[in-house]
Amino acid sequence: MVSRISEEFGITRDLLALSFARLADAFGNGPLIIAIPLYSASFENSIGVSSELLTGVVLASYGFASSVFQPFFGRASDKLGKRKPFLVYGLIAMALASFSFTFYPLVVAN
């Protein structure tokens, strides 16, 4: 199937792998855009800031961290000539970070 797609659309295997990695990242982060405002509304009175401000800070911090670190990891990947380890470790880090959010209520409660 991959070779048929490659021949039909002129897409290389590397581009297809990168596209699927980006798709997995989007599926992982997409639902958060919907859930974060709903979740932050429950913390409005407990930490003393509005839910709108909290949502903005969380979403902006993701964008800021992404803009700061992507050039460094991109350059490192180009220097080593290997993108696959960076993609795999990046997806694993995203999964671990997403999983770590499940412990947030335990930390806030203490």
PDB file of N, CA and C in Angstrom:
ATOM      1  N   MET A   1       0.818  -1.191   0.000  1.00  0.00           N
ATOM      2  CA  MET A   1       0.000   0.000   0.000  1.00  0.00           C
ATOM      3  C   MET A   1       0.866   1.261   0.000  1.00  0.00           C
ATOM      4  N   VAL A   2       1.964   1.237   0.778  1.00  0.00           N
ATOM      5  CA  VAL A   2       2.847   2.408   0.837  1.00  0.00           C
ATOM      6  C   VAL A   2       3.465   2.669  -0.524  1.00  0.00           C
ATOM      7  N   SER A   3       3.878   1.607  -1.219  1.00  0.00           N
ATOM      8  CA  SER A   3       4.501   1.812  -2.528  1.00  0.00           C
ATOM      9  C   SER A   3       3.485   2.348  -3.541  1.00  0.00           C
ATOM     10  N   ARG A   4       2.223   1.918  -3.422  1.00  0.00           N
ATOM     11  CA  ARG A   4       1.184   2.426  -4.321  1.00  0.00           C
ATOM     12  C   ARG A   4       0.960   3.922  -4.085  1.00  0.00           C
ATOM     13  N   ILE A   5       0.912   4.330  -2.820  1.00  0.00           N
ATOM     14  CA  ILE A   5       0.743   5.754  -2.495  1.00  0.00           C
ATOM     15  C   ILE A   5       1.957   6.539  -2.980  1.00  0.00           C
ATOM     16  N   SER A   6       3.145   5.982  -2.780  1.00  0.00           N
ATOM     17  CA  SER A   6       4.369   6.663  -3.204  1.00  0.00           C
ATOM     18  C   SER A   6       4.388   6.885  -4.709  1.00  0.00           C
ATOM     19  N   GLU A   7       4.002   5.848  -5.448  1.00  0.00           N
ATOM     20  CA  GLU A   7       4.010   5.971  -6.903  1.00  0.00           C
ATOM     21  C   GLU A   7       2.915   6.917  -7.394  1.00  0.00           C
ATOM     22  N   GLU A   8       1.746   6.806  -6.800  1.00  0.00           N
ATOM     23  CA  GLU A   8       0.605   7.584  -7.268  1.00  0.00           C
ATOM     24  C   GLU A   8       0.762   9.076  -7.001  1.00  0.00           C
ATOM     25  N   PHE A   9       1.273   9.432  -5.833  1.00  0.00           N
ATOM     26  CA  PHE A   9       1.359  10.842  -5.448  1.00  0.00           C
ATOM     27  C   PHE A   9       2.787  11.374  -5.425  1.00  0.00           C
ATOM     28  N   GLY A  10       3.768  10.559  -5.681  1.00  0.00           N
ATOM     29  CA  GLY A  10       5.153  11.004  -5.669  1.00  0.00           C
ATOM     30  C   GLY A  10       5.667  11.322  -4.272  1.00  0.00           C
ATOM     31  N   ILE A  11       5.192  10.579  -3.285  1.00  0.00           N
ATOM     32  CA  ILE A  11       5.584  10.804  -1.891  1.00  0.00           C
ATOM     33  C   ILE A  11       6.598   9.744  -1.487  1.00  0.00           C
ATOM     34  N   THR A  12       7.669  10.171  -0.856  1.00  0.00           N
ATOM     35  CA  THR A  12       8.674   9.212  -0.397  1.00  0.00           C
ATOM     36  C   THR A  12       8.235   8.570   0.922  1.00  0.00           C
ATOM     37  N   ARG A  13       8.866   7.468   1.265  1.00  0.00           N
ATOM     38  CA  ARG A  13       8.545   6.778   2.518  1.00  0.00           C
ATOM     39  C   ARG A  13       8.854   7.656   3.723  1.00  0.00           C
ATOM     40  N   ASP A  14       9.932   8.438   3.645  1.00  0.00           N
ATOM     41  CA  ASP A  14      10.289   9.316   4.757  1.00  0.00           C
ATOM     42  C   ASP A  14       9.215  10.374   4.993  1.00  0.00           C
ATOM     43  N   LEU A  15       8.725  10.963   3.915  1.00  0.00           N
ATOM     44  CA  LEU A  15       7.678  11.974   4.041  1.00  0.00           C
ATOM     45  C   LEU A  15       6.396  11.359   4.594  1.00  0.00           C
ATOM     46  N   LEU A  16       6.089  10.149   4.169  1.00  0.00           N
ATOM     47  CA  LEU A  16       4.903   9.473   4.675  1.00  0.00           C
ATOM     48  C   LEU A  16       5.046   9.172   6.170  1.00  0.00           C
ATOM     49  N   ALA A  17       6.232   8.744   6.600  1.00  0.00           N
ATOM     50  CA  ALA A  17       6.469   8.471   8.024  1.00  0.00           C
ATOM     51  C   ALA A  17       6.360   9.749   8.849  1.00  0.00           C
ATOM     52  N   LEU A  18       6.924  10.837   8.343  1.00  0.00           N
ATOM     53  CA  LEU A  18       6.833  12.120   9.044  1.00  0.00           C
ATOM     54  C   LEU A  18       5.383  12.601   9.114  1.00  0.00           C
ATOM     55  N   SER A  19       4.635  12.371   8.055  1.00  0.00           N
ATOM     56  CA  SER A  19       3.228  12.771   8.044  1.00  0.00           C
ATOM     57  C   SER A  19       2.428  12.006   9.082  1.00  0.00           C
ATOM     58  N   PHE A  20       2.685  10.697   9.194  1.00  0.00           N
ATOM     59  CA  PHE A  20       1.977   9.908  10.199  1.00  0.00           C
ATOM     60  C   PHE A  20       2.389  10.293  11.621  1.00  0.00           C
ATOM     61  N   ALA A  21       3.660  10.656  11.818  1.00  0.00           N
ATOM     62  CA  ALA A  21       4.098  11.117  13.135  1.00  0.00           C
ATOM     63  C   ALA A  21       3.405  12.423  13.502  1.00  0.00           C
ATOM     64  N   ARG A  22       3.282  13.319  12.532  1.00  0.00           N
ATOM     65  CA  ARG A  22       2.588  14.597  12.780  1.00  0.00           C
ATOM     66  C   ARG A  22       1.105  14.365  13.053  1.00  0.00           C
ATOM     67  N   LEU A  23       0.516  13.383  12.347  1.00  0.00           N
ATOM     68  CA  LEU A  23      -0.883  13.044  12.566  1.00  0.00           C
ATOM     69  C   LEU A  23      -1.091  12.510  13.980  1.00  0.00           C
ATOM     70  N   ALA A  24      -0.179  11.651  14.439  1.00  0.00           N
ATOM     71  CA  ALA A  24      -0.277  11.126  15.804  1.00  0.00           C
ATOM     72  C   ALA A  24      -0.155  12.247  16.824  1.00  0.00           C
ATOM     73  N   ASP A  25       0.732  13.187  16.562  1.00  0.00           N
ATOM     74  CA  ASP A  25       0.888  14.337  17.450  1.00  0.00           C
ATOM     75  C   ASP A  25      -0.386  15.177  17.481  1.00  0.00           C
ATOM     76  N   ALA A  26      -0.988  15.393  16.325  1.00  0.00           N
ATOM     77  CA  ALA A  26      -2.221  16.184  16.262  1.00  0.00           C
ATOM     78  C   ALA A  26      -3.370  15.477  16.982  1.00  0.00           C
ATOM     79  N   PHE A  27      -3.459  14.160  16.831  1.00  0.00           N
ATOM     80  CA  PHE A  27      -4.504  13.424  17.542  1.00  0.00           C
ATOM     81  C   PHE A  27      -4.275  13.453  19.050  1.00  0.00           C
ATOM     82  N   GLY A  28      -3.025  13.532  19.466  1.00  0.00           N
ATOM     83  CA  GLY A  28      -2.728  13.602  20.892  1.00  0.00           C
ATOM     84  C   GLY A  28      -3.011  14.968  21.494  1.00  0.00           C
ATOM     85  N   ASN A  29      -2.749  16.023  20.730  1.00  0.00           N
ATOM     86  CA  ASN A  29      -2.916  17.380  21.258  1.00  0.00           C
ATOM     87  C   ASN A  29      -4.267  18.002  20.929  1.00  0.00           C
ATOM     88  N   GLY A  30      -4.903  17.557  19.865  1.00  0.00           N
ATOM     89  CA  GLY A  30      -6.178  18.134  19.444  1.00  0.00           C
ATOM     90  C   GLY A  30      -7.254  18.115  20.517  1.00  0.00           C
ATOM     91  N   PRO A  31      -7.494  16.982  21.153  1.00  0.00           N
ATOM     92  CA  PRO A  31      -8.522  16.953  22.201  1.00  0.00           C
ATOM     93  C   PRO A  31      -8.195  17.855  23.392  1.00  0.00           C
ATOM     94  N   LEU A  32      -6.924  18.121  23.609  1.00  0.00           N
ATOM     95  CA  LEU A  32      -6.548  18.992  24.727  1.00  0.00           C
ATOM     96  C   LEU A  32      -7.044  20.418  24.523  1.00  0.00           C
ATOM     97  N   ILE A  33      -7.099  20.859  23.273  1.00  0.00           N
ATOM     98  CA  ILE A  33      -7.580  22.212  22.983  1.00  0.00           C
ATOM     99  C   ILE A  33      -9.036  22.351  23.433  1.00  0.00           C
ATOM    100  N   ILE A  34      -9.788  21.285  23.348  1.00  0.00           N
ATOM    101  CA  ILE A  34     -11.186  21.294  23.778  1.00  0.00           C
ATOM    102  C   ILE A  34     -11.284  21.119  25.290  1.00  0.00           C
ATOM    103  N   ALA A  35     -10.467  20.238  25.849  1.00  0.00           N
ATOM    104  CA  ALA A  35     -10.594  19.874  27.259  1.00  0.00           C
ATOM    105  C   ALA A  35      -9.991  20.900  28.214  1.00  0.00           C
ATOM    106  N   ILE A  36      -8.937  21.584  27.820  1.00  0.00           N
ATOM    107  CA  ILE A  36      -8.248  22.501  28.743  1.00  0.00           C
ATOM    108  C   ILE A  36      -9.157  23.614  29.249  1.00  0.00           C
ATOM    109  N   PRO A  37      -9.941  24.299  28.394  1.00  0.00           N
ATOM    110  CA  PRO A  37     -10.828  25.335  28.943  1.00  0.00           C
ATOM    111  C   PRO A  37     -11.863  24.779  29.925  1.00  0.00           C
ATOM    112  N   LEU A  38     -12.384  23.600  29.632  1.00  0.00           N
ATOM    113  CA  LEU A  38     -13.363  22.994  30.535  1.00  0.00           C
ATOM    114  C   LEU A  38     -12.711  22.603  31.859  1.00  0.00           C
ATOM    115  N   TYR A  39     -11.515  22.060  31.779  1.00  0.00           N
ATOM    116  CA  TYR A  39     -10.809  21.616  32.972  1.00  0.00           C
ATOM    117  C   TYR A  39     -10.338  22.803  33.813  1.00  0.00           C
ATOM    118  N   SER A  40      -9.846  23.851  33.151  1.00  0.00           N
ATOM    119  CA  SER A  40      -9.333  24.997  33.905  1.00  0.00           C
ATOM    120  C   SER A  40     -10.449  25.774  34.593  1.00  0.00           C
ATOM    121  N   ALA A  41     -11.665  25.671  34.100  1.00  0.00           N
ATOM    122  CA  ALA A  41     -12.796  26.363  34.737  1.00  0.00           C
ATOM    123  C   ALA A  41     -13.030  25.852  36.151  1.00  0.00           C
ATOM    124  N   SER A  42     -12.682  24.609  36.421  1.00  0.00           N
ATOM    125  CA  SER A  42     -12.891  24.049  37.752  1.00  0.00           C
ATOM    126  C   SER A  42     -11.851  24.543  38.758  1.00  0.00           C
ATOM    127  N   PHE A  43     -10.753  25.157  38.292  1.00  0.00           N
ATOM    128  CA  PHE A  43      -9.698  25.627  39.193  1.00  0.00           C
ATOM    129  C   PHE A  43      -9.733  27.134  39.410  1.00  0.00           C
ATOM    130  N   GLU A  44     -10.751  27.804  38.894  1.00  0.00           N
ATOM    131  CA  GLU A  44     -10.795  29.266  38.950  1.00  0.00           C
ATOM    132  C   GLU A  44     -10.655  29.793  40.375  1.00  0.00           C
ATOM    133  N   ASN A  45     -11.400  29.261  41.307  1.00  0.00           N
ATOM    134  CA  ASN A  45     -11.363  29.779  42.673  1.00  0.00           C
ATOM    135  C   ASN A  45     -10.229  29.189  43.507  1.00  0.00           C
ATOM    136  N   SER A  46      -9.728  28.016  43.123  1.00  0.00           N
ATOM    137  CA  SER A  46      -8.724  27.363  43.970  1.00  0.00           C
ATOM    138  C   SER A  46      -7.336  27.989  43.857  1.00  0.00           C
ATOM    139  N   ILE A  47      -7.003  28.600  42.707  1.00  0.00           N
ATOM    140  CA  ILE A  47      -5.670  29.188  42.597  1.00  0.00           C
ATOM    141  C   ILE A  47      -5.698  30.701  42.398  1.00  0.00           C
ATOM    142  N   GLY A  48      -6.865  31.297  42.352  1.00  0.00           N
ATOM    143  CA  GLY A  48      -6.970  32.743  42.355  1.00  0.00           C
ATOM    144  C   GLY A  48      -6.830  33.450  41.028  1.00  0.00           C
ATOM    145  N   VAL A  49      -6.860  32.740  39.908  1.00  0.00           N
ATOM    146  CA  VAL A  49      -6.835  33.396  38.598  1.00  0.00           C
ATOM    147  C   VAL A  49      -8.058  32.951  37.810  1.00  0.00           C
ATOM    148  N   SER A  50      -8.415  33.741  36.817  1.00  0.00           N
ATOM    149  CA  SER A  50      -9.582  33.386  36.010  1.00  0.00           C
ATOM    150  C   SER A  50      -9.272  32.185  35.125  1.00  0.00           C
ATOM    151  N   SER A  51     -10.303  31.466  34.764  1.00  0.00           N
ATOM    152  CA  SER A  51     -10.102  30.288  33.918  1.00  0.00           C
ATOM    153  C   SER A  51      -9.607  30.692  32.531  1.00  0.00           C
ATOM    154  N   GLU A  52      -9.991  31.870  32.057  1.00  0.00           N
ATOM    155  CA  GLU A  52      -9.523  32.337  30.752  1.00  0.00           C
ATOM    156  C   GLU A  52      -8.018  32.570  30.770  1.00  0.00           C
ATOM    157  N   LEU A  53      -7.530  33.197  31.848  1.00  0.00           N
ATOM    158  CA  LEU A  53      -6.093  33.440  31.972  1.00  0.00           C
ATOM    159  C   LEU A  53      -5.335  32.128  32.080  1.00  0.00           C
ATOM    160  N   LEU A  54      -5.840  31.218  32.877  1.00  0.00           N
ATOM    161  CA  LEU A  54      -5.189  29.923  33.045  1.00  0.00           C
ATOM    162  C   LEU A  54      -5.136  29.167  31.722  1.00  0.00           C
ATOM    163  N   THR A  55      -6.224  29.165  30.965  1.00  0.00           N
ATOM    164  CA  THR A  55      -6.254  28.500  29.660  1.00  0.00           C
ATOM    165  C   THR A  55      -5.252  29.144  28.714  1.00  0.00           C
ATOM    166  N   GLY A  56      -5.208  30.457  28.683  1.00  0.00           N
ATOM    167  CA  GLY A  56      -4.267  31.160  27.818  1.00  0.00           C
ATOM    168  C   GLY A  56      -2.823  30.864  28.157  1.00  0.00           C
ATOM    169  N   VAL A  57      -2.511  30.814  29.438  1.00  0.00           N
ATOM    170  CA  VAL A  57      -1.137  30.536  29.862  1.00  0.00           C
ATOM    171  C   VAL A  57      -0.728  29.110  29.478  1.00  0.00           C
ATOM    172  N   VAL A  58      -1.620  28.170  29.685  1.00  0.00           N
ATOM    173  CA  VAL A  58      -1.300  26.771  29.354  1.00  0.00           C
ATOM    174  C   VAL A  58      -1.094  26.607  27.852  1.00  0.00           C
ATOM    175  N   LEU A  59      -2.001  27.145  27.051  1.00  0.00           N
ATOM    176  CA  LEU A  59      -1.870  27.005  25.599  1.00  0.00           C
ATOM    177  C   LEU A  59      -0.665  27.780  25.069  1.00  0.00           C
ATOM    178  N   ALA A  60      -0.418  28.955  25.597  1.00  0.00           N
ATOM    179  CA  ALA A  60       0.728  29.745  25.146  1.00  0.00           C
ATOM    180  C   ALA A  60       2.043  29.089  25.547  1.00  0.00           C
ATOM    181  N   SER A  61       2.085  28.461  26.720  1.00  0.00           N
ATOM    182  CA  SER A  61       3.333  27.818  27.146  1.00  0.00           C
ATOM    183  C   SER A  61       3.694  26.653  26.234  1.00  0.00           C
ATOM    184  N   TYR A  62       2.685  25.935  25.735  1.00  0.00           N
ATOM    185  CA  TYR A  62       2.968  24.855  24.780  1.00  0.00           C
ATOM    186  C   TYR A  62       3.567  25.436  23.500  1.00  0.00           C
ATOM    187  N   GLY A  63       2.948  26.485  22.971  1.00  0.00           N
ATOM    188  CA  GLY A  63       3.452  27.105  21.747  1.00  0.00           C
ATOM    189  C   GLY A  63       4.836  27.695  21.931  1.00  0.00           C
ATOM    190  N   PHE A  64       5.065  28.328  23.078  1.00  0.00           N
ATOM    191  CA  PHE A  64       6.373  28.924  23.357  1.00  0.00           C
ATOM    192  C   PHE A  64       7.452  27.843  23.461  1.00  0.00           C
ATOM    193  N   ALA A  65       7.179  26.790  24.212  1.00  0.00           N
ATOM    194  CA  ALA A  65       8.156  25.708  24.369  1.00  0.00           C
ATOM    195  C   ALA A  65       8.438  25.036  23.026  1.00  0.00           C
ATOM    196  N   SER A  66       7.411  24.868  22.226  1.00  0.00           N
ATOM    197  CA  SER A  66       7.583  24.266  20.910  1.00  0.00           C
ATOM    198  C   SER A  66       8.470  25.138  20.026  1.00  0.00           C
ATOM    199  N   SER A  67       8.225  26.460  20.030  1.00  0.00           N
ATOM    200  CA  SER A  67       9.040  27.351  19.202  1.00  0.00           C
ATOM    201  C   SER A  67      10.476  27.439  19.676  1.00  0.00           C
ATOM    202  N   VAL A  68      10.704  27.306  20.964  1.00  0.00           N
ATOM    203  CA  VAL A  68      12.066  27.401  21.479  1.00  0.00           C
ATOM    204  C   VAL A  68      12.858  26.120  21.194  1.00  0.00           C
ATOM    205  N   PHE A  69      12.245  24.958  21.406  1.00  0.00           N
ATOM    206  CA  PHE A  69      12.996  23.716  21.336  1.00  0.00           C
ATOM    207  C   PHE A  69      13.033  23.064  19.957  1.00  0.00           C
ATOM    208  N   GLN A  70      12.076  23.326  19.081  1.00  0.00           N
ATOM    209  CA  GLN A  70      12.084  22.681  17.770  1.00  0.00           C
ATOM    210  C   GLN A  70      13.324  22.996  16.941  1.00  0.00           C
ATOM    211  N   PRO A  71      13.809  24.234  16.891  1.00  0.00           N
ATOM    212  CA  PRO A  71      15.023  24.471  16.105  1.00  0.00           C
ATOM    213  C   PRO A  71      16.238  23.696  16.620  1.00  0.00           C
ATOM    214  N   PHE A  72      16.372  23.563  17.929  1.00  0.00           N
ATOM    215  CA  PHE A  72      17.518  22.841  18.479  1.00  0.00           C
ATOM    216  C   PHE A  72      17.449  21.347  18.162  1.00  0.00           C
ATOM    217  N   PHE A  73      16.278  20.763  18.333  1.00  0.00           N
ATOM    218  CA  PHE A  73      16.138  19.342  18.033  1.00  0.00           C
ATOM    219  C   PHE A  73      16.196  19.090  16.527  1.00  0.00           C
ATOM    220  N   GLY A  74      15.711  20.021  15.735  1.00  0.00           N
ATOM    221  CA  GLY A  74      15.815  19.898  14.281  1.00  0.00           C
ATOM    222  C   GLY A  74      17.260  19.934  13.819  1.00  0.00           C
ATOM    223  N   ARG A  75      18.039  20.845  14.389  1.00  0.00           N
ATOM    224  CA  ARG A  75      19.457  20.932  14.031  1.00  0.00           C
ATOM    225  C   ARG A  75      20.213  19.687  14.486  1.00  0.00           C
ATOM    226  N   ALA A  76      19.897  19.198  15.697  1.00  0.00           N
ATOM    227  CA  ALA A  76      20.550  17.979  16.184  1.00  0.00           C
ATOM    228  C   ALA A  76      20.210  16.786  15.298  1.00  0.00           C
ATOM    229  N   SER A  77      18.970  16.699  14.864  1.00  0.00           N
ATOM    230  CA  SER A  77      18.559  15.601  13.992  1.00  0.00           C
ATOM    231  C   SER A  77      19.250  15.692  12.631  1.00  0.00           C
ATOM    232  N   ASP A  78      19.415  16.905  12.118  1.00  0.00           N
ATOM    233  CA  ASP A  78      20.118  17.072  10.844  1.00  0.00           C
ATOM    234  C   ASP A  78      21.599  16.747  10.979  1.00  0.00           C
ATOM    235  N   LYS A  79      22.208  17.111  12.106  1.00  0.00           N
ATOM    236  CA  LYS A  79      23.626  16.812  12.317  1.00  0.00           C
ATOM    237  C   LYS A  79      23.869  15.305  12.397  1.00  0.00           C
ATOM    238  N   LEU A  80      22.998  14.607  13.112  1.00  0.00           N
ATOM    239  CA  LEU A  80      23.158  13.163  13.249  1.00  0.00           C
ATOM    240  C   LEU A  80      22.701  12.412  12.007  1.00  0.00           C
ATOM    241  N   GLY A  81      21.857  13.053  11.219  1.00  0.00           N
ATOM    242  CA  GLY A  81      21.360  12.411  10.009  1.00  0.00           C
ATOM    243  C   GLY A  81      20.297  11.356  10.271  1.00  0.00           C
ATOM    244  N   LYS A  82      19.757  11.359  11.474  1.00  0.00           N
ATOM    245  CA  LYS A  82      18.739  10.371  11.827  1.00  0.00           C
ATOM    246  C   LYS A  82      17.537  11.095  12.420  1.00  0.00           C
ATOM    247  N   ARG A  83      16.401  10.963  11.787  1.00  0.00           N
ATOM    248  CA  ARG A  83      15.197  11.605  12.295  1.00  0.00           C
ATOM    249  C   ARG A  83      14.346  10.641  13.111  1.00  0.00           C
ATOM    250  N   LYS A  84      14.439   9.372  12.774  1.00  0.00           N
ATOM    251  CA  LYS A  84      13.557   8.399  13.413  1.00  0.00           C
ATOM    252  C   LYS A  84      13.687   8.380  14.932  1.00  0.00           C
ATOM    253  N   PRO A  85      14.901   8.351  15.511  1.00  0.00           N
ATOM    254  CA  PRO A  85      14.986   8.360  16.979  1.00  0.00           C
ATOM    255  C   PRO A  85      14.358   9.609  17.599  1.00  0.00           C
ATOM    256  N   PHE A  86      14.520  10.747  16.947  1.00  0.00           N
ATOM    257  CA  PHE A  86      13.931  11.984  17.476  1.00  0.00           C
ATOM    258  C   PHE A  86      12.411  11.916  17.441  1.00  0.00           C
ATOM    259  N   LEU A  87      11.866  11.358  16.373  1.00  0.00           N
ATOM    260  CA  LEU A  87      10.410  11.220  16.280  1.00  0.00           C
ATOM    261  C   LEU A  87       9.880  10.249  17.320  1.00  0.00           C
ATOM    262  N   VAL A  88      10.548   9.109  17.443  1.00  0.00           N
ATOM    263  CA  VAL A  88      10.086   8.091  18.397  1.00  0.00           C
ATOM    264  C   VAL A  88      10.186   8.615  19.823  1.00  0.00           C
ATOM    265  N   TYR A  89      11.331   9.184  20.188  1.00  0.00           N
ATOM    266  CA  TYR A  89      11.494   9.700  21.550  1.00  0.00           C
ATOM    267  C   TYR A  89      10.565  10.892  21.809  1.00  0.00           C
ATOM    268  N   GLY A  90      10.329  11.703  20.786  1.00  0.00           N
ATOM    269  CA  GLY A  90       9.403  12.824  20.940  1.00  0.00           C
ATOM    270  C   GLY A  90       7.977  12.356  21.198  1.00  0.00           C
ATOM    271  N   LEU A  91       7.544  11.320  20.473  1.00  0.00           N
ATOM    272  CA  LEU A  91       6.203  10.786  20.688  1.00  0.00           C
ATOM    273  C   LEU A  91       6.094  10.109  22.053  1.00  0.00           C
ATOM    274  N   ILE A  92       7.165   9.438  22.477  1.00  0.00           N
ATOM    275  CA  ILE A  92       7.170   8.821  23.812  1.00  0.00           C
ATOM    276  C   ILE A  92       7.102   9.902  24.884  1.00  0.00           C
ATOM    277  N   ALA A  93       7.869  10.981  24.712  1.00  0.00           N
ATOM    278  CA  ALA A  93       7.839  12.082  25.684  1.00  0.00           C
ATOM    279  C   ALA A  93       6.458  12.722  25.737  1.00  0.00           C
ATOM    280  N   MET A  94       5.808  12.869  24.564  1.00  0.00           N
ATOM    281  CA  MET A  94       4.464  13.432  24.547  1.00  0.00           C
ATOM    282  C   MET A  94       3.485  12.520  25.289  1.00  0.00           C
ATOM    283  N   ALA A  95       3.622  11.209  25.084  1.00  0.00           N
ATOM    284  CA  ALA A  95       2.737  10.257  25.771  1.00  0.00           C
ATOM    285  C   ALA A  95       2.960  10.304  27.278  1.00  0.00           C
ATOM    286  N   LEU A  96       4.216  10.367  27.705  1.00  0.00           N
ATOM    287  CA  LEU A  96       4.510  10.439  29.146  1.00  0.00           C
ATOM    288  C   LEU A  96       4.017  11.749  29.758  1.00  0.00           C
ATOM    289  N   ALA A  97       4.187  12.841  29.035  1.00  0.00           N
ATOM    290  CA  ALA A  97       3.701  14.127  29.540  1.00  0.00           C
ATOM    291  C   ALA A  97       2.185  14.131  29.648  1.00  0.00           C
ATOM    292  N   SER A  98       1.519  13.573  28.648  1.00  0.00           N
ATOM    293  CA  SER A  98       0.060  13.501  28.700  1.00  0.00           C
ATOM    294  C   SER A  98      -0.397  12.625  29.857  1.00  0.00           C
ATOM    295  N   PHE A  99       0.301  11.515  30.076  1.00  0.00           N
ATOM    296  CA  PHE A  99      -0.035  10.623  31.185  1.00  0.00           C
ATOM    297  C   PHE A  99       0.210  11.301  32.531  1.00  0.00           C
ATOM    298  N   SER A 100       1.247  12.139  32.609  1.00  0.00           N
ATOM    299  CA  SER A 100       1.562  12.795  33.880  1.00  0.00           C
ATOM    300  C   SER A 100       0.469  13.765  34.314  1.00  0.00           C
ATOM    301  N   PHE A 101      -0.314  14.274  33.367  1.00  0.00           N
ATOM    302  CA  PHE A 101      -1.407  15.181  33.719  1.00  0.00           C
ATOM    303  C   PHE A 101      -2.471  14.487  34.557  1.00  0.00           C
ATOM    304  N   THR A 102      -2.527  13.166  34.512  1.00  0.00           N
ATOM    305  CA  THR A 102      -3.516  12.457  35.320  1.00  0.00           C
ATOM    306  C   THR A 102      -3.213  12.586  36.811  1.00  0.00           C
ATOM    307  N   PHE A 103      -1.958  12.896  37.158  1.00  0.00           N
ATOM    308  CA  PHE A 103      -1.583  13.027  38.565  1.00  0.00           C
ATOM    309  C   PHE A 103      -1.751  14.450  39.083  1.00  0.00           C
ATOM    310  N   TYR A 104      -2.136  15.384  38.231  1.00  0.00           N
ATOM    311  CA  TYR A 104      -2.280  16.785  38.631  1.00  0.00           C
ATOM    312  C   TYR A 104      -3.276  16.967  39.783  1.00  0.00           C
ATOM    313  N   PRO A 105      -4.449  16.332  39.746  1.00  0.00           N
ATOM    314  CA  PRO A 105      -5.379  16.503  40.886  1.00  0.00           C
ATOM    315  C   PRO A 105      -4.789  16.004  42.201  1.00  0.00           C
ATOM    316  N   LEU A 106      -3.943  14.990  42.156  1.00  0.00           N
ATOM    317  CA  LEU A 106      -3.316  14.500  43.382  1.00  0.00           C
ATOM    318  C   LEU A 106      -2.338  15.513  43.953  1.00  0.00           C
ATOM    319  N   VAL A 107      -1.617  16.197  43.080  1.00  0.00           N
ATOM    320  CA  VAL A 107      -0.638  17.197  43.508  1.00  0.00           C
ATOM    321  C   VAL A 107      -1.353  18.424  44.056  1.00  0.00           C
ATOM    322  N   VAL A 108      -2.413  18.857  43.384  1.00  0.00           N
ATOM    323  CA  VAL A 108      -3.151  20.054  43.808  1.00  0.00           C
ATOM    324  C   VAL A 108      -3.877  19.796  45.126  1.00  0.00           C
ATOM    325  N   ALA A 109      -4.359  18.576  45.323  1.00  0.00           N
ATOM    326  CA  ALA A 109      -5.113  18.261  46.530  1.00  0.00           C
ATOM    327  C   ALA A 109      -4.236  18.288  47.785  1.00  0.00           C
ATOM    328  N   ASN A 110      -2.940  18.042  47.611  1.00  0.00           N
ATOM    329  CA  ASN A 110      -2.042  18.012  48.768  1.00  0.00           C
ATOM    330  C   ASN A 110      -1.536  19.366  49.033  1.00  0.00           C
TER     331      ASN A 110
END
